[in-house]
PDB file of N, CA and C in Angstrom:
ATOM      1  N   MET A   1      50.864   9.282 -69.003  1.00  0.00           N
ATOM      2  CA  MET A   1      49.509   9.609 -68.299  1.00  0.00           C
ATOM      3  C   MET A   1      49.496   9.076 -66.924  1.00  0.00           C
ATOM      4  N   LEU A   2      50.188   7.954 -66.649  1.00  0.00           N
ATOM      5  CA  LEU A   2      50.396   7.334 -65.318  1.00  0.00           C
ATOM      6  C   LEU A   2      51.337   8.181 -64.624  1.00  0.00           C
ATOM      7  N   ARG A   3      52.318   8.482 -65.187  1.00  0.00           N
ATOM      8  CA  ARG A   3      53.367   9.335 -64.536  1.00  0.00           C
ATOM      9  C   ARG A   3      52.756  10.801 -64.095  1.00  0.00           C
ATOM     10  N   LYS A   4      52.000  11.314 -65.009  1.00  0.00           N
ATOM     11  CA  LYS A   4      51.329  12.594 -64.468  1.00  0.00           C
ATOM     12  C   LYS A   4      50.308  12.432 -63.405  1.00  0.00           C
ATOM     13  N   HIS A   5      49.602  11.393 -63.489  1.00  0.00           N
ATOM     14  CA  HIS A   5      48.729  10.998 -62.349  1.00  0.00           C
ATOM     15  C   HIS A   5      49.562  10.766 -61.052  1.00  0.00           C
ATOM     16  N   LEU A   6      50.424  10.174 -61.019  1.00  0.00           N
ATOM     17  CA  LEU A   6      51.165   9.821 -59.797  1.00  0.00           C
ATOM     18  C   LEU A   6      51.886  11.045 -59.160  1.00  0.00           C
ATOM     19  N   ALA A   7      52.237  11.838 -60.177  1.00  0.00           N
ATOM     20  CA  ALA A   7      53.072  13.021 -59.646  1.00  0.00           C
ATOM     21  C   ALA A   7      52.179  13.876 -58.660  1.00  0.00           C
ATOM     22  N   LYS A   8      50.952  13.770 -58.630  1.00  0.00           N
ATOM     23  CA  LYS A   8      49.967  14.449 -57.736  1.00  0.00           C
ATOM     24  C   LYS A   8      49.693  13.885 -56.552  1.00  0.00           C
ATOM     25  N   LYS A   9      50.341  12.624 -56.196  1.00  0.00           N
ATOM     26  CA  LYS A   9      50.145  11.827 -55.054  1.00  0.00           C
ATOM     27  C   LYS A   9      51.256  11.918 -54.140  1.00  0.00           C
ATOM     28  N   LEU A  10      51.032  11.731 -52.953  1.00  0.00           N
ATOM     29  CA  LEU A  10      51.942  11.839 -51.764  1.00  0.00           C
ATOM     30  C   LEU A  10      52.645  10.480 -51.897  1.00  0.00           C
ATOM     31  N   PRO A  11      53.981  10.468 -51.411  1.00  0.00           N
ATOM     32  CA  PRO A  11      54.578   9.066 -51.498  1.00  0.00           C
ATOM     33  C   PRO A  11      53.868   7.964 -50.994  1.00  0.00           C
ATOM     34  N   LYS A  12      53.060   8.169 -49.962  1.00  0.00           N
ATOM     35  CA  LYS A  12      52.606   6.861 -49.401  1.00  0.00           C
ATOM     36  C   LYS A  12      51.040   6.708 -49.756  1.00  0.00           C
ATOM     37  N   ALA A  13      50.460   7.662 -50.622  1.00  0.00           N
ATOM     38  CA  ALA A  13      49.189   7.631 -51.023  1.00  0.00           C
ATOM     39  C   ALA A  13      48.983   6.537 -51.911  1.00  0.00           C
ATOM     40  N   ARG A  14      47.719   6.006 -51.958  1.00  0.00           N
ATOM     41  CA  ARG A  14      47.221   5.067 -52.988  1.00  0.00           C
ATOM     42  C   ARG A  14      47.336   5.664 -54.396  1.00  0.00           C
ATOM     43  N   ALA A  15      47.696   4.816 -55.210  1.00  0.00           N
ATOM     44  CA  ALA A  15      47.804   5.364 -56.804  1.00  0.00           C
ATOM     45  C   ALA A  15      46.375   5.483 -57.351  1.00  0.00           C
ATOM     46  N   PHE A  16      45.423   4.479 -56.944  1.00  0.00           N
ATOM     47  CA  PHE A  16      44.053   4.550 -57.433  1.00  0.00           C
ATOM     48  C   PHE A  16      43.251   4.096 -56.332  1.00  0.00           C
ATOM     49  N   ARG A  17      41.857   4.536 -56.324  1.00  0.00           N
ATOM     50  CA  ARG A  17      40.912   4.152 -55.448  1.00  0.00           C
ATOM     51  C   ARG A  17      40.110   2.971 -56.294  1.00  0.00           C
ATOM     52  N   VAL A  18      40.258   1.846 -55.580  1.00  0.00           N
ATOM     53  CA  VAL A  18      39.587   0.680 -56.099  1.00  0.00           C
ATOM     54  C   VAL A  18      38.332   0.261 -55.278  1.00  0.00           C
ATOM     55  N   PRO A  19      37.163   0.172 -56.134  1.00  0.00           N
ATOM     56  CA  PRO A  19      35.945  -0.134 -55.623  1.00  0.00           C
ATOM     57  C   PRO A  19      36.151  -1.491 -54.708  1.00  0.00           C
ATOM     58  N   ASP A  20      35.138  -1.441 -53.749  1.00  0.00           N
ATOM     59  CA  ASP A  20      35.183  -2.732 -52.876  1.00  0.00           C
ATOM     60  C   ASP A  20      34.795  -3.964 -53.544  1.00  0.00           C
ATOM     61  N   LYS A  21      34.052  -3.785 -54.623  1.00  0.00           N
ATOM     62  CA  LYS A  21      33.718  -5.009 -55.383  1.00  0.00           C
ATOM     63  C   LYS A  21      34.268  -5.066 -56.672  1.00  0.00           C
ATOM     64  N   CYS A  22      35.612  -4.934 -56.721  1.00  0.00           N
ATOM     65  CA  CYS A  22      36.395  -4.963 -57.947  1.00  0.00           C
ATOM     66  C   CYS A  22      36.234  -6.121 -58.762  1.00  0.00           C
ATOM     67  N   ALA A  23      36.314  -7.435 -58.124  1.00  0.00           N
ATOM     68  CA  ALA A  23      36.375  -8.732 -58.695  1.00  0.00           C
ATOM     69  C   ALA A  23      34.866  -8.795 -59.424  1.00  0.00           C
ATOM     70  N   GLN A  24      33.842  -8.520 -58.761  1.00  0.00           N
ATOM     71  CA  GLN A  24      32.624  -8.426 -59.256  1.00  0.00           C
ATOM     72  C   GLN A  24      32.281  -7.598 -60.532  1.00  0.00           C
ATOM     73  N   MET A  25      32.844  -6.396 -60.488  1.00  0.00           N
ATOM     74  CA  MET A  25      32.855  -5.473 -61.444  1.00  0.00           C
ATOM     75  C   MET A  25      33.702  -5.937 -62.698  1.00  0.00           C
ATOM     76  N   LEU A  26      34.837  -6.601 -62.445  1.00  0.00           N
ATOM     77  CA  LEU A  26      35.744  -7.176 -63.622  1.00  0.00           C
ATOM     78  C   LEU A  26      34.961  -8.268 -64.202  1.00  0.00           C
ATOM     79  N   ARG A  27      34.344  -9.026 -63.617  1.00  0.00           N
ATOM     80  CA  ARG A  27      33.362 -10.249 -64.103  1.00  0.00           C
ATOM     81  C   ARG A  27      32.196  -9.466 -65.087  1.00  0.00           C
ATOM     82  N   GLU A  28      31.623  -8.536 -64.391  1.00  0.00           N
ATOM     83  CA  GLU A  28      30.582  -7.921 -65.199  1.00  0.00           C
ATOM     84  C   GLU A  28      31.039  -7.134 -66.502  1.00  0.00           C
ATOM     85  N   ASP A  29      32.236  -6.616 -66.386  1.00  0.00           N
ATOM     86  CA  ASP A  29      32.805  -6.112 -67.620  1.00  0.00           C
ATOM     87  C   ASP A  29      33.191  -7.020 -68.695  1.00  0.00           C
ATOM     88  N   MET A  30      33.697  -8.212 -68.119  1.00  0.00           N
ATOM     89  CA  MET A  30      34.243  -9.097 -69.134  1.00  0.00           C
ATOM     90  C   MET A  30      32.837  -9.768 -69.766  1.00  0.00           C
ATOM     91  N   ASP A  31      31.843 -10.002 -69.016  1.00  0.00           N
ATOM     92  CA  ASP A  31      30.473 -10.530 -69.453  1.00  0.00           C
ATOM     93  C   ASP A  31      29.791  -9.501 -70.640  1.00  0.00           C
ATOM     94  N   SER A  32      29.872  -8.194 -70.260  1.00  0.00           N
ATOM     95  CA  SER A  32      29.601  -7.295 -71.167  1.00  0.00           C
ATOM     96  C   SER A  32      30.225  -7.149 -72.478  1.00  0.00           C
ATOM     97  N   ALA A  33      31.628  -7.489 -72.432  1.00  0.00           N
ATOM     98  CA  ALA A  33      32.455  -7.526 -73.584  1.00  0.00           C
ATOM     99  C   ALA A  33      32.291  -8.788 -74.429  1.00  0.00           C
ATOM    100  N   GLY A  34      31.472  -9.596 -73.908  1.00  0.00           N
ATOM    101  CA  GLY A  34      31.191 -10.881 -74.615  1.00  0.00           C
ATOM    102  C   GLY A  34      32.289 -11.973 -74.225  1.00  0.00           C
ATOM    103  N   LEU A  35      33.039 -11.768 -73.197  1.00  0.00           N
ATOM    104  CA  LEU A  35      33.978 -12.715 -72.676  1.00  0.00           C
ATOM    105  C   LEU A  35      33.464 -13.398 -71.567  1.00  0.00           C
ATOM    106  N   SER A  36      33.638 -14.646 -71.540  1.00  0.00           N
ATOM    107  CA  SER A  36      33.288 -15.431 -70.380  1.00  0.00           C
ATOM    108  C   SER A  36      33.998 -15.276 -69.270  1.00  0.00           C
ATOM    109  N   SER A  37      33.396 -14.977 -68.118  1.00  0.00           N
ATOM    110  CA  SER A  37      34.163 -14.621 -66.923  1.00  0.00           C
ATOM    111  C   SER A  37      34.201 -16.001 -66.026  1.00  0.00           C
ATOM    112  N   SER A  38      33.542 -17.030 -66.500  1.00  0.00           N
ATOM    113  CA  SER A  38      33.488 -18.259 -65.727  1.00  0.00           C
ATOM    114  C   SER A  38      34.732 -18.947 -65.836  1.00  0.00           C
ATOM    115  N   GLY A  39      35.330 -19.445 -64.669  1.00  0.00           N
ATOM    116  CA  GLY A  39      36.457 -20.147 -64.657  1.00  0.00           C
ATOM    117  C   GLY A  39      37.667 -19.225 -64.653  1.00  0.00           C
ATOM    118  N   TYR A  40      37.400 -17.739 -64.520  1.00  0.00           N
ATOM    119  CA  TYR A  40      38.358 -16.791 -63.976  1.00  0.00           C
ATOM    120  C   TYR A  40      38.440 -16.481 -62.595  1.00  0.00           C
ATOM    121  N   ASP A  41      39.521 -16.299 -62.227  1.00  0.00           N
ATOM    122  CA  ASP A  41      39.798 -15.820 -60.802  1.00  0.00           C
ATOM    123  C   ASP A  41      40.390 -14.468 -60.660  1.00  0.00           C
ATOM    124  N   PHE A  42      39.834 -13.581 -60.102  1.00  0.00           N
ATOM    125  CA  PHE A  42      40.389 -12.342 -59.955  1.00  0.00           C
ATOM    126  C   PHE A  42      41.700 -12.345 -59.580  1.00  0.00           C
ATOM    127  N   HIS A  43      42.064 -13.348 -58.684  1.00  0.00           N
ATOM    128  CA  HIS A  43      43.679 -13.328 -58.053  1.00  0.00           C
ATOM    129  C   HIS A  43      44.459 -13.730 -58.978  1.00  0.00           C
ATOM    130  N   CYS A  44      44.061 -14.498 -60.154  1.00  0.00           N
ATOM    131  CA  CYS A  44      44.996 -15.020 -61.121  1.00  0.00           C
ATOM    132  C   CYS A  44      45.886 -13.745 -61.703  1.00  0.00           C
ATOM    133  N   LEU A  45      45.227 -12.603 -61.612  1.00  0.00           N
ATOM    134  CA  LEU A  45      45.972 -11.506 -62.063  1.00  0.00           C
ATOM    135  C   LEU A  45      47.228 -11.223 -60.981  1.00  0.00           C
ATOM    136  N   ARG A  46      47.044 -11.306 -60.080  1.00  0.00           N
ATOM    137  CA  ARG A  46      47.983 -11.096 -58.892  1.00  0.00           C
ATOM    138  C   ARG A  46      49.088 -12.066 -59.089  1.00  0.00           C
ATOM    139  N   HIS A  47      48.637 -13.496 -59.455  1.00  0.00           N
ATOM    140  CA  HIS A  47      49.705 -14.533 -59.600  1.00  0.00           C
ATOM    141  C   HIS A  47      50.507 -14.089 -60.716  1.00  0.00           C
ATOM    142  N   THR A  48      49.897 -13.520 -61.915  1.00  0.00           N
ATOM    143  CA  THR A  48      50.553 -13.264 -63.001  1.00  0.00           C
ATOM    144  C   THR A  48      51.676 -12.334 -62.857  1.00  0.00           C
ATOM    145  N   CYS A  49      51.056 -11.244 -62.096  1.00  0.00           N
ATOM    146  CA  CYS A  49      52.004 -10.015 -61.798  1.00  0.00           C
ATOM    147  C   CYS A  49      53.249 -10.508 -61.256  1.00  0.00           C
ATOM    148  N   GLY A  50      53.009 -11.351 -59.900  1.00  0.00           N
ATOM    149  CA  GLY A  50      53.962 -11.678 -59.181  1.00  0.00           C
ATOM    150  C   GLY A  50      54.950 -12.529 -59.925  1.00  0.00           C
ATOM    151  N   THR A  51      54.516 -13.430 -60.882  1.00  0.00           N
ATOM    152  CA  THR A  51      55.271 -14.239 -61.504  1.00  0.00           C
ATOM    153  C   THR A  51      56.137 -13.551 -62.647  1.00  0.00           C
ATOM    154  N   PHE A  52      55.430 -12.633 -63.344  1.00  0.00           N
ATOM    155  CA  PHE A  52      56.146 -11.843 -64.274  1.00  0.00           C
ATOM    156  C   PHE A  52      57.216 -11.013 -63.764  1.00  0.00           C
ATOM    157  N   LEU A  53      57.107 -10.352 -62.482  1.00  0.00           N
ATOM    158  CA  LEU A  53      58.071  -9.766 -61.906  1.00  0.00           C
ATOM    159  C   LEU A  53      59.301 -10.491 -61.491  1.00  0.00           C
ATOM    160  N   ALA A  54      58.954 -11.775 -60.818  1.00  0.00           N
ATOM    161  CA  ALA A  54      59.966 -12.400 -60.532  1.00  0.00           C
ATOM    162  C   ALA A  54      60.811 -13.024 -61.681  1.00  0.00           C
ATOM    163  N   SER A  55      60.155 -13.382 -62.737  1.00  0.00           N
ATOM    164  CA  SER A  55      60.766 -13.820 -63.837  1.00  0.00           C
ATOM    165  C   SER A  55      61.581 -12.762 -64.568  1.00  0.00           C
ATOM    166  N   ALA A  56      61.266 -11.588 -64.294  1.00  0.00           N
ATOM    167  CA  ALA A  56      62.070 -10.360 -64.778  1.00  0.00           C
ATOM    168  C   ALA A  56      63.343 -10.032 -64.244  1.00  0.00           C
ATOM    169  N   GLY A  57      63.451 -10.878 -63.085  1.00  0.00           N
ATOM    170  CA  GLY A  57      64.572 -10.620 -62.048  1.00  0.00           C
ATOM    171  C   GLY A  57      64.281  -9.598 -60.952  1.00  0.00           C
ATOM    172  N   VAL A  58      63.261  -9.328 -60.764  1.00  0.00           N
ATOM    173  CA  VAL A  58      62.927  -8.429 -59.728  1.00  0.00           C
ATOM    174  C   VAL A  58      62.976  -9.360 -58.405  1.00  0.00           C
ATOM    175  N   ASP A  59      63.626  -8.632 -57.436  1.00  0.00           N
ATOM    176  CA  ASP A  59      63.832  -9.312 -56.183  1.00  0.00           C
ATOM    177  C   ASP A  59      62.533  -9.404 -55.452  1.00  0.00           C
ATOM    178  N   LEU A  60      62.498 -10.689 -54.847  1.00  0.00           N
ATOM    179  CA  LEU A  60      61.036 -11.021 -54.189  1.00  0.00           C
ATOM    180  C   LEU A  60      60.681 -10.173 -52.998  1.00  0.00           C
ATOM    181  N   LYS A  61      61.572  -9.292 -52.478  1.00  0.00           N
ATOM    182  CA  LYS A  61      61.039  -8.319 -51.460  1.00  0.00           C
ATOM    183  C   LYS A  61      60.407  -7.271 -52.106  1.00  0.00           C
ATOM    184  N   THR A  62      60.849  -6.843 -53.398  1.00  0.00           N
ATOM    185  CA  THR A  62      60.167  -5.950 -54.090  1.00  0.00           C
ATOM    186  C   THR A  62      58.809  -6.372 -54.683  1.00  0.00           C
ATOM    187  N   VAL A  63      58.809  -7.567 -55.078  1.00  0.00           N
ATOM    188  CA  VAL A  63      57.593  -8.190 -55.505  1.00  0.00           C
ATOM    189  C   VAL A  63      56.470  -8.204 -54.446  1.00  0.00           C
ATOM    190  N   GLN A  64      57.048  -8.557 -53.266  1.00  0.00           N
ATOM    191  CA  GLN A  64      56.074  -8.653 -51.945  1.00  0.00           C
ATOM    192  C   GLN A  64      55.527  -7.209 -51.776  1.00  0.00           C
ATOM    193  N   HIS A  65      56.240  -6.245 -51.948  1.00  0.00           N
ATOM    194  CA  HIS A  65      55.919  -4.739 -51.583  1.00  0.00           C
ATOM    195  C   HIS A  65      54.856  -4.451 -52.753  1.00  0.00           C
ATOM    196  N   VAL A  66      55.158  -4.706 -54.074  1.00  0.00           N
ATOM    197  CA  VAL A  66      54.274  -4.389 -55.014  1.00  0.00           C
ATOM    198  C   VAL A  66      52.753  -5.020 -54.974  1.00  0.00           C
ATOM    199  N   LEU A  67      52.947  -6.455 -54.509  1.00  0.00           N
ATOM    200  CA  LEU A  67      51.715  -7.104 -54.222  1.00  0.00           C
ATOM    201  C   LEU A  67      50.921  -6.701 -52.923  1.00  0.00           C
ATOM    202  N   GLY A  68      51.621  -6.126 -52.070  1.00  0.00           N
ATOM    203  CA  GLY A  68      50.931  -5.668 -50.604  1.00  0.00           C
ATOM    204  C   GLY A  68      50.813  -6.664 -49.624  1.00  0.00           C
ATOM    205  N   HIS A  69      51.836  -7.666 -49.793  1.00  0.00           N
ATOM    206  CA  HIS A  69      51.743  -8.858 -48.826  1.00  0.00           C
ATOM    207  C   HIS A  69      52.605  -8.363 -47.578  1.00  0.00           C
ATOM    208  N   LYS A  70      51.997  -9.039 -46.576  1.00  0.00           N
ATOM    209  CA  LYS A  70      52.593  -8.753 -45.109  1.00  0.00           C
ATOM    210  C   LYS A  70      53.902  -9.657 -44.823  1.00  0.00           C
ATOM    211  N   THR A  71      53.776 -10.925 -45.693  1.00  0.00           N
ATOM    212  CA  THR A  71      54.831 -11.799 -45.410  1.00  0.00           C
ATOM    213  C   THR A  71      55.501 -12.243 -46.755  1.00  0.00           C
ATOM    214  N   PHE A  72      56.692 -12.402 -46.614  1.00  0.00           N
ATOM    215  CA  PHE A  72      57.669 -12.874 -47.847  1.00  0.00           C
ATOM    216  C   PHE A  72      57.219 -14.194 -48.181  1.00  0.00           C
ATOM    217  N   ALA A  73      56.872 -15.027 -47.142  1.00  0.00           N
ATOM    218  CA  ALA A  73      56.468 -16.459 -47.473  1.00  0.00           C
ATOM    219  C   ALA A  73      55.084 -16.434 -48.470  1.00  0.00           C
ATOM    220  N   LEU A  74      54.209 -15.626 -48.292  1.00  0.00           N
ATOM    221  CA  LEU A  74      52.935 -15.451 -49.133  1.00  0.00           C
ATOM    222  C   LEU A  74      53.423 -15.319 -50.615  1.00  0.00           C
ATOM    223  N   THR A  75      54.165 -14.278 -50.710  1.00  0.00           N
ATOM    224  CA  THR A  75      54.730 -13.916 -52.045  1.00  0.00           C
ATOM    225  C   THR A  75      55.428 -14.989 -52.693  1.00  0.00           C
ATOM    226  N   ALA A  76      56.337 -15.639 -52.074  1.00  0.00           N
ATOM    227  CA  ALA A  76      57.212 -16.572 -52.631  1.00  0.00           C
ATOM    228  C   ALA A  76      56.546 -17.991 -52.873  1.00  0.00           C
ATOM    229  N   ASP A  77      55.775 -18.366 -51.909  1.00  0.00           N
ATOM    230  CA  ASP A  77      55.069 -19.824 -51.942  1.00  0.00           C
ATOM    231  C   ASP A  77      53.720 -19.649 -52.738  1.00  0.00           C
ATOM    232  N   THR A  78      53.169 -18.584 -52.647  1.00  0.00           N
ATOM    233  CA  THR A  78      51.813 -18.652 -53.427  1.00  0.00           C
ATOM    234  C   THR A  78      51.773 -17.775 -54.649  1.00  0.00           C
ATOM    235  N   TYR A  79      52.376 -16.663 -54.713  1.00  0.00           N
ATOM    236  CA  TYR A  79      52.122 -15.663 -55.632  1.00  0.00           C
ATOM    237  C   TYR A  79      53.180 -15.421 -56.834  1.00  0.00           C
ATOM    238  N   THR A  80      54.234 -16.395 -56.832  1.00  0.00           N
ATOM    239  CA  THR A  80      55.095 -16.513 -57.687  1.00  0.00           C
ATOM    240  C   THR A  80      55.251 -18.079 -58.137  1.00  0.00           C
ATOM    241  N   HIS A  81      55.606 -18.274 -59.521  1.00  0.00           N
ATOM    242  CA  HIS A  81      55.701 -19.542 -60.107  1.00  0.00           C
ATOM    243  C   HIS A  81      57.011 -19.528 -60.968  1.00  0.00           C
ATOM    244  N   LEU A  82      57.538 -20.662 -61.082  1.00  0.00           N
ATOM    245  CA  LEU A  82      58.834 -20.816 -61.893  1.00  0.00           C
ATOM    246  C   LEU A  82      58.397 -21.514 -63.171  1.00  0.00           C
ATOM    247  N   TYR A  83      58.838 -20.965 -64.187  1.00  0.00           N
ATOM    248  CA  TYR A  83      58.927 -21.598 -65.624  1.00  0.00           C
ATOM    249  C   TYR A  83      59.982 -22.535 -65.603  1.00  0.00           C
ATOM    250  N   ASN A  84      59.867 -23.467 -66.515  1.00  0.00           N
ATOM    251  CA  ASN A  84      61.080 -24.312 -66.810  1.00  0.00           C
ATOM    252  C   ASN A  84      62.259 -23.674 -67.290  1.00  0.00           C
ATOM    253  N   ASP A  85      62.176 -22.695 -68.039  1.00  0.00           N
ATOM    254  CA  ASP A  85      63.378 -21.936 -68.626  1.00  0.00           C
ATOM    255  C   ASP A  85      64.029 -21.240 -67.480  1.00  0.00           C
ATOM    256  N   ALA A  86      63.480 -20.773 -66.498  1.00  0.00           N
ATOM    257  CA  ALA A  86      63.955 -20.127 -65.341  1.00  0.00           C
ATOM    258  C   ALA A  86      64.771 -21.083 -64.486  1.00  0.00           C
ATOM    259  N   ILE A  87      64.181 -22.201 -64.317  1.00  0.00           N
ATOM    260  CA  ILE A  87      64.815 -23.352 -63.603  1.00  0.00           C
ATOM    261  C   ILE A  87      66.091 -23.803 -64.395  1.00  0.00           C
ATOM    262  N   GLN A  88      66.038 -23.931 -65.745  1.00  0.00           N
ATOM    263  CA  GLN A  88      67.198 -24.311 -66.506  1.00  0.00           C
ATOM    264  C   GLN A  88      68.187 -23.253 -66.421  1.00  0.00           C
ATOM    265  N   LYS A  89      67.915 -21.965 -66.455  1.00  0.00           N
ATOM    266  CA  LYS A  89      68.748 -20.764 -66.382  1.00  0.00           C
ATOM    267  C   LYS A  89      69.435 -20.806 -65.068  1.00  0.00           C
ATOM    268  N   GLY A  90      68.716 -21.153 -64.082  1.00  0.00           N
ATOM    269  CA  GLY A  90      69.402 -21.203 -62.728  1.00  0.00           C
ATOM    270  C   GLY A  90      70.357 -22.083 -62.609  1.00  0.00           C
ATOM    271  N   ILE A  91      70.202 -23.505 -63.118  1.00  0.00           N
ATOM    272  CA  ILE A  91      71.007 -24.410 -63.197  1.00  0.00           C
ATOM    273  C   ILE A  91      72.381 -24.150 -63.865  1.00  0.00           C
ATOM    274  N   ARG A  92      72.065 -23.613 -65.035  1.00  0.00           N
ATOM    275  CA  ARG A  92      73.324 -23.127 -65.902  1.00  0.00           C
ATOM    276  C   ARG A  92      74.195 -22.104 -65.229  1.00  0.00           C
ATOM    277  N   GLN A  93      73.576 -21.347 -64.275  1.00  0.00           N
ATOM    278  CA  GLN A  93      74.478 -20.420 -63.471  1.00  0.00           C
ATOM    279  C   GLN A  93      75.414 -21.055 -62.501  1.00  0.00           C
ATOM    280  N   LEU A  94      75.198 -22.241 -62.019  1.00  0.00           N
ATOM    281  CA  LEU A  94      76.062 -22.971 -61.038  1.00  0.00           C
ATOM    282  C   LEU A  94      77.412 -22.904 -61.591  1.00  0.00           C
ATOM    283  N   PRO A  95      78.427 -22.955 -60.596  1.00  0.00           N
ATOM    284  CA  PRO A  95      79.822 -22.867 -61.076  1.00  0.00           C
ATOM    285  C   PRO A  95      80.305 -24.258 -61.668  1.00  0.00           C
ATOM    286  N   ASN A  96      81.060 -24.355 -62.479  1.00  0.00           N
ATOM    287  CA  ASN A  96      81.690 -25.591 -63.098  1.00  0.00           C
ATOM    288  C   ASN A  96      82.634 -26.130 -61.913  1.00  0.00           C
ATOM    289  N   LEU A  97      82.350 -27.268 -61.631  1.00  0.00           N
ATOM    290  CA  LEU A  97      83.184 -27.921 -60.443  1.00  0.00           C
ATOM    291  C   LEU A  97      83.935 -29.089 -60.906  1.00  0.00           C
ATOM    292  N   GLU A  98      84.290 -29.114 -62.204  1.00  0.00           N
ATOM    293  CA  GLU A  98      85.080 -30.117 -62.801  1.00  0.00           C
ATOM    294  C   GLU A  98      86.508 -29.996 -62.389  1.00  0.00           C
ATOM    295  N   VAL A  99      87.161 -31.061 -62.258  1.00  0.00           N
ATOM    296  CA  VAL A  99      88.616 -31.108 -61.594  1.00  0.00           C
ATOM    297  C   VAL A  99      89.412 -31.472 -62.888  1.00  0.00           C
ATOM    298  N   GLY A 100      90.587 -30.499 -63.040  1.00  0.00           N
ATOM    299  CA  GLY A 100      91.363 -30.933 -64.170  1.00  0.00           C
ATOM    300  C   GLY A 100      90.982 -30.420 -65.402  1.00  0.00           C
TER     301      GLY A 100
END
C-alpha cells in the first residue's frame, strides 16, 4: 500500500501531510485507546527510528536525511544511541595486533 501511495508522488514531494499538532493528536489517540500518554515524548519515536537505523548498519548520512536534520552532529549526537552489543561488535572488528 505504501509503495502504491508513494508511486503517485514526485521525487521531492512529502510522502504524507502531517498535521501541525501531531504530538497532541498522538497523545489524544493514546488516551482514547486507554494507554497513558503521560511520560511519553513524541520525539522518542524519532530517537528510536534513528537508533534502529544506525544499529541496522545504515550510514549516518542516510539517517540524517531520513530524520530531516540539517546537521550531521544533531543526528549523531542526539538522535542515535549505541547499544552495548554494538559497542562490543565494533571492538571485535578491530584488527589483531599480536606479534608472533
